[in-house]
Amino acid sequence: MNKSVIFNLPVKDLDKSRAFFFALGFSLKPQFSNENAAFITIVEGAIDVMLTTEAFFKSLINKPVVHAKEANEVVICLNCENREEDDSLIAKALAAGARIPHPPEDHGFMYDQGFEDLDGHLWNLVWMAPQE
């Protein structure tokens, strides 16, 4: 079985959120996108995010939507190939309107930093030193 991860995130403004993720270098799968959702590929064949309008997201669940600028239920963590990729994605996110909640942390064996997207969803970018 070929396994991949697809997660859904509610967004206030689908066009602005789509543009934000394009600015990070991620791509759209138009065959799965419409006026209510944008299917964004983070890692081809492995990780995708379905950005949905809040109204559409509400139709998928039977409880209130968490507003990520007020509370968080999850932190999305992506492994980076190296520190440079980590720094590059943070710079792109900042230029596209993200908020940086904390400075980078260098633990020697691990380097991480994060950003909040336009809707406040937390993304953490991590590079782990190869184990010897």
C-alpha atoms as a PDB file:
ATOM      1  CA  MET A   1       0.000   0.000   0.000  1.00  0.00           C
ATOM      2  CA  ASN A   2       1.313   3.445  -0.929  1.00  0.00           C
ATOM      3  CA  LYS A   3       0.783   5.715   2.066  1.00  0.00           C
ATOM      4  CA  SER A   4       0.811   9.466   2.173  1.00  0.00           C
ATOM      5  CA  VAL A   5      -0.463  12.156   4.515  1.00  0.00           C
ATOM      6  CA  ILE A   6      -3.194  14.595   3.531  1.00  0.00           C
ATOM      7  CA  PHE A   7      -4.394  17.006   6.161  1.00  0.00           C
ATOM      8  CA  ASN A   8      -7.153  19.602   5.982  1.00  0.00           C
ATOM      9  CA  LEU A   9      -6.811  23.159   7.259  1.00  0.00           C
ATOM     10  CA  PRO A  10      -9.592  25.751   7.385  1.00  0.00           C
ATOM     11  CA  VAL A  11      -8.605  29.163   6.026  1.00  0.00           C
ATOM     12  CA  LYS A  12     -10.258  32.583   6.080  1.00  0.00           C
ATOM     13  CA  ASP A  13      -9.225  33.605   2.539  1.00  0.00           C
ATOM     14  CA  LEU A  14      -8.546  30.726   0.149  1.00  0.00           C
ATOM     15  CA  ASP A  15      -6.900  32.897  -2.534  1.00  0.00           C
ATOM     16  CA  LYS A  16      -4.487  34.528  -0.066  1.00  0.00           C
ATOM     17  CA  SER A  17      -3.645  31.178   1.538  1.00  0.00           C
ATOM     18  CA  ARG A  18      -3.054  29.566  -1.859  1.00  0.00           C
ATOM     19  CA  ALA A  19      -0.698  32.440  -2.797  1.00  0.00           C
ATOM     20  CA  PHE A  20       1.106  32.078   0.556  1.00  0.00           C
ATOM     21  CA  PHE A  21       1.884  28.399  -0.021  1.00  0.00           C
ATOM     22  CA  PHE A  22       2.892  29.053  -3.649  1.00  0.00           C
ATOM     23  CA  ALA A  23       5.386  31.610  -2.286  1.00  0.00           C
ATOM     24  CA  LEU A  24       6.939  28.791  -0.240  1.00  0.00           C
ATOM     25  CA  GLY A  25       7.474  26.813  -3.437  1.00  0.00           C
ATOM     26  CA  PHE A  26       4.648  24.308  -2.957  1.00  0.00           C
ATOM     27  CA  SER A  27       2.407  23.353  -5.879  1.00  0.00           C
ATOM     28  CA  LEU A  28      -1.316  23.039  -6.569  1.00  0.00           C
ATOM     29  CA  LYS A  29      -3.097  19.930  -7.823  1.00  0.00           C
ATOM     30  CA  PRO A  30      -5.896  21.623  -9.790  1.00  0.00           C
ATOM     31  CA  GLN A  31      -7.858  18.393 -10.355  1.00  0.00           C
ATOM     32  CA  PHE A  32      -8.610  18.312  -6.606  1.00  0.00           C
ATOM     33  CA  SER A  33      -9.151  22.059  -6.182  1.00  0.00           C
ATOM     34  CA  ASN A  34     -12.177  24.299  -6.595  1.00  0.00           C
ATOM     35  CA  GLU A  35     -13.765  27.448  -5.121  1.00  0.00           C
ATOM     36  CA  ASN A  36     -13.943  25.726  -1.697  1.00  0.00           C
ATOM     37  CA  ALA A  37     -10.554  24.031  -1.535  1.00  0.00           C
ATOM     38  CA  ALA A  38      -6.975  24.102  -2.775  1.00  0.00           C
ATOM     39  CA  PHE A  39      -5.018  20.829  -2.795  1.00  0.00           C
ATOM     40  CA  ILE A  40      -1.390  21.821  -2.135  1.00  0.00           C
ATOM     41  CA  THR A  41       1.512  19.382  -2.473  1.00  0.00           C
ATOM     42  CA  ILE A  42       4.175  19.829   0.197  1.00  0.00           C
ATOM     43  CA  VAL A  43       6.244  16.705  -0.633  1.00  0.00           C
ATOM     44  CA  GLU A  44       5.316  14.927  -3.874  1.00  0.00           C
ATOM     45  CA  GLY A  45       3.751  11.548  -3.160  1.00  0.00           C
ATOM     46  CA  ALA A  46       4.066  11.948   0.607  1.00  0.00           C
ATOM     47  CA  ILE A  47       2.525  15.084   2.142  1.00  0.00           C
ATOM     48  CA  ASP A  48      -0.350  17.251   0.928  1.00  0.00           C
ATOM     49  CA  VAL A  49      -2.568  19.847   2.564  1.00  0.00           C
ATOM     50  CA  MET A  50      -6.148  20.565   1.591  1.00  0.00           C
ATOM     51  CA  LEU A  51      -6.786  24.222   2.324  1.00  0.00           C
ATOM     52  CA  THR A  52     -10.530  24.663   2.701  1.00  0.00           C
ATOM     53  CA  THR A  53     -12.784  27.621   3.236  1.00  0.00           C
ATOM     54  CA  GLU A  54     -14.094  27.706   6.784  1.00  0.00           C
ATOM     55  CA  ALA A  55     -17.653  27.120   5.534  1.00  0.00           C
ATOM     56  CA  PHE A  56     -16.629  23.985   3.665  1.00  0.00           C
ATOM     57  CA  PHE A  57     -14.504  22.762   6.581  1.00  0.00           C
ATOM     58  CA  LYS A  58     -17.500  23.177   8.912  1.00  0.00           C
ATOM     59  CA  SER A  59     -19.529  20.935   6.602  1.00  0.00           C
ATOM     60  CA  LEU A  60     -17.015  18.118   7.208  1.00  0.00           C
ATOM     61  CA  ILE A  61     -17.197  18.131  11.002  1.00  0.00           C
ATOM     62  CA  ASN A  62     -19.842  18.318  13.707  1.00  0.00           C
ATOM     63  CA  LYS A  63     -18.094  20.574  16.221  1.00  0.00           C
ATOM     64  CA  PRO A  64     -16.692  24.112  16.217  1.00  0.00           C
ATOM     65  CA  VAL A  65     -13.686  25.044  14.113  1.00  0.00           C
ATOM     66  CA  VAL A  66     -10.604  25.973  16.140  1.00  0.00           C
ATOM     67  CA  HIS A  67      -9.413  29.428  15.152  1.00  0.00           C
ATOM     68  CA  ALA A  68      -5.655  28.948  15.027  1.00  0.00           C
ATOM     69  CA  LYS A  69      -4.892  32.580  15.875  1.00  0.00           C
ATOM     70  CA  GLU A  70      -6.615  31.985  19.222  1.00  0.00           C
ATOM     71  CA  ALA A  71      -5.836  28.324  20.007  1.00  0.00           C
ATOM     72  CA  ASN A  72      -3.935  25.458  18.425  1.00  0.00           C
ATOM     73  CA  GLU A  73      -4.741  21.798  18.221  1.00  0.00           C
ATOM     74  CA  VAL A  74      -1.700  20.723  16.219  1.00  0.00           C
ATOM     75  CA  VAL A  75       1.783  21.840  15.183  1.00  0.00           C
ATOM     76  CA  ILE A  76       2.683  20.676  11.695  1.00  0.00           C
ATOM     77  CA  CYS A  77       6.336  19.647  11.649  1.00  0.00           C
ATOM     78  CA  LEU A  78       8.332  19.228   8.449  1.00  0.00           C
ATOM     79  CA  ASN A  79      11.808  17.707   8.277  1.00  0.00           C
ATOM     80  CA  CYS A  80      14.228  19.721   6.171  1.00  0.00           C
ATOM     81  CA  GLU A  81      17.167  18.348   4.190  1.00  0.00           C
ATOM     82  CA  ASN A  82      19.579  20.804   5.826  1.00  0.00           C
ATOM     83  CA  ARG A  83      19.733  24.036   7.814  1.00  0.00           C
ATOM     84  CA  GLU A  84      19.789  26.076   4.613  1.00  0.00           C
ATOM     85  CA  GLU A  85      16.433  24.640   3.497  1.00  0.00           C
ATOM     86  CA  ASP A  86      15.037  25.393   6.954  1.00  0.00           C
ATOM     87  CA  ASP A  87      16.267  29.008   6.812  1.00  0.00           C
ATOM     88  CA  SER A  88      15.115  29.420   3.196  1.00  0.00           C
ATOM     89  CA  LEU A  89      11.550  28.285   3.939  1.00  0.00           C
ATOM     90  CA  ILE A  90      11.387  30.588   6.971  1.00  0.00           C
ATOM     91  CA  ALA A  91      12.561  33.536   4.852  1.00  0.00           C
ATOM     92  CA  LYS A  92       9.956  32.763   2.172  1.00  0.00           C
ATOM     93  CA  ALA A  93       7.210  32.393   4.784  1.00  0.00           C
ATOM     94  CA  LEU A  94       8.159  35.706   6.411  1.00  0.00           C
ATOM     95  CA  ALA A  95       8.200  37.483   3.044  1.00  0.00           C
ATOM     96  CA  ALA A  96       4.749  36.018   2.269  1.00  0.00           C
ATOM     97  CA  GLY A  97       3.232  37.364   5.499  1.00  0.00           C
ATOM     98  CA  ALA A  98       3.937  34.703   8.134  1.00  0.00           C
ATOM     99  CA  ARG A  99       4.565  35.481  11.777  1.00  0.00           C
ATOM    100  CA  ILE A 100       7.677  34.010  13.384  1.00  0.00           C
ATOM    101  CA  PRO A 101       6.753  32.934  16.945  1.00  0.00           C
ATOM    102  CA  HIS A 102      10.286  32.264  18.203  1.00  0.00           C
ATOM    103  CA  PRO A 103      13.906  32.560  17.043  1.00  0.00           C
ATOM    104  CA  PRO A 104      15.722  29.521  15.615  1.00  0.00           C
ATOM    105  CA  GLU A 105      16.900  26.970  18.138  1.00  0.00           C
ATOM    106  CA  ASP A 106      20.207  25.192  17.565  1.00  0.00           C
ATOM    107  CA  HIS A 107      20.668  22.131  19.758  1.00  0.00           C
ATOM    108  CA  GLY A 108      23.698  20.845  17.851  1.00  0.00           C
ATOM    109  CA  PHE A 109      22.026  17.582  16.821  1.00  0.00           C
ATOM    110  CA  MET A 110      18.853  19.449  15.803  1.00  0.00           C
ATOM    111  CA  TYR A 111      18.034  22.866  14.343  1.00  0.00           C
ATOM    112  CA  ASP A 112      14.480  24.135  14.297  1.00  0.00           C
ATOM    113  CA  GLN A 113      12.336  27.184  13.858  1.00  0.00           C
ATOM    114  CA  GLY A 114       8.780  27.810  12.897  1.00  0.00           C
ATOM    115  CA  PHE A 115       6.178  30.122  11.477  1.00  0.00           C
ATOM    116  CA  GLU A 116       2.478  30.812  11.699  1.00  0.00           C
ATOM    117  CA  ASP A 117       0.740  30.898   8.327  1.00  0.00           C
ATOM    118  CA  LEU A 118      -1.845  33.566   7.482  1.00  0.00           C
ATOM    119  CA  ASP A 119      -4.509  31.803   9.570  1.00  0.00           C
ATOM    120  CA  GLY A 120      -2.263  31.123  12.561  1.00  0.00           C
ATOM    121  CA  HIS A 121      -1.589  27.435  11.875  1.00  0.00           C
ATOM    122  CA  LEU A 122       1.805  26.559  13.357  1.00  0.00           C
ATOM    123  CA  TRP A 123       4.460  25.012  11.123  1.00  0.00           C
ATOM    124  CA  ASN A 124       7.758  23.853  12.625  1.00  0.00           C
ATOM    125  CA  LEU A 125      10.757  23.218  10.376  1.00  0.00           C
ATOM    126  CA  VAL A 126      13.389  20.840  11.696  1.00  0.00           C
ATOM    127  CA  TRP A 127      16.775  19.639  10.506  1.00  0.00           C
ATOM    128  CA  MET A 128      18.241  16.661  12.326  1.00  0.00           C
ATOM    129  CA  ALA A 129      21.968  15.924  12.109  1.00  0.00           C
ATOM    130  CA  PRO A 130      22.694  12.538  10.540  1.00  0.00           C
ATOM    131  CA  GLN A 131      23.245   9.817  13.150  1.00  0.00           C
ATOM    132  CA  GLU A 132      26.636   8.174  13.049  1.00  0.00           C
END
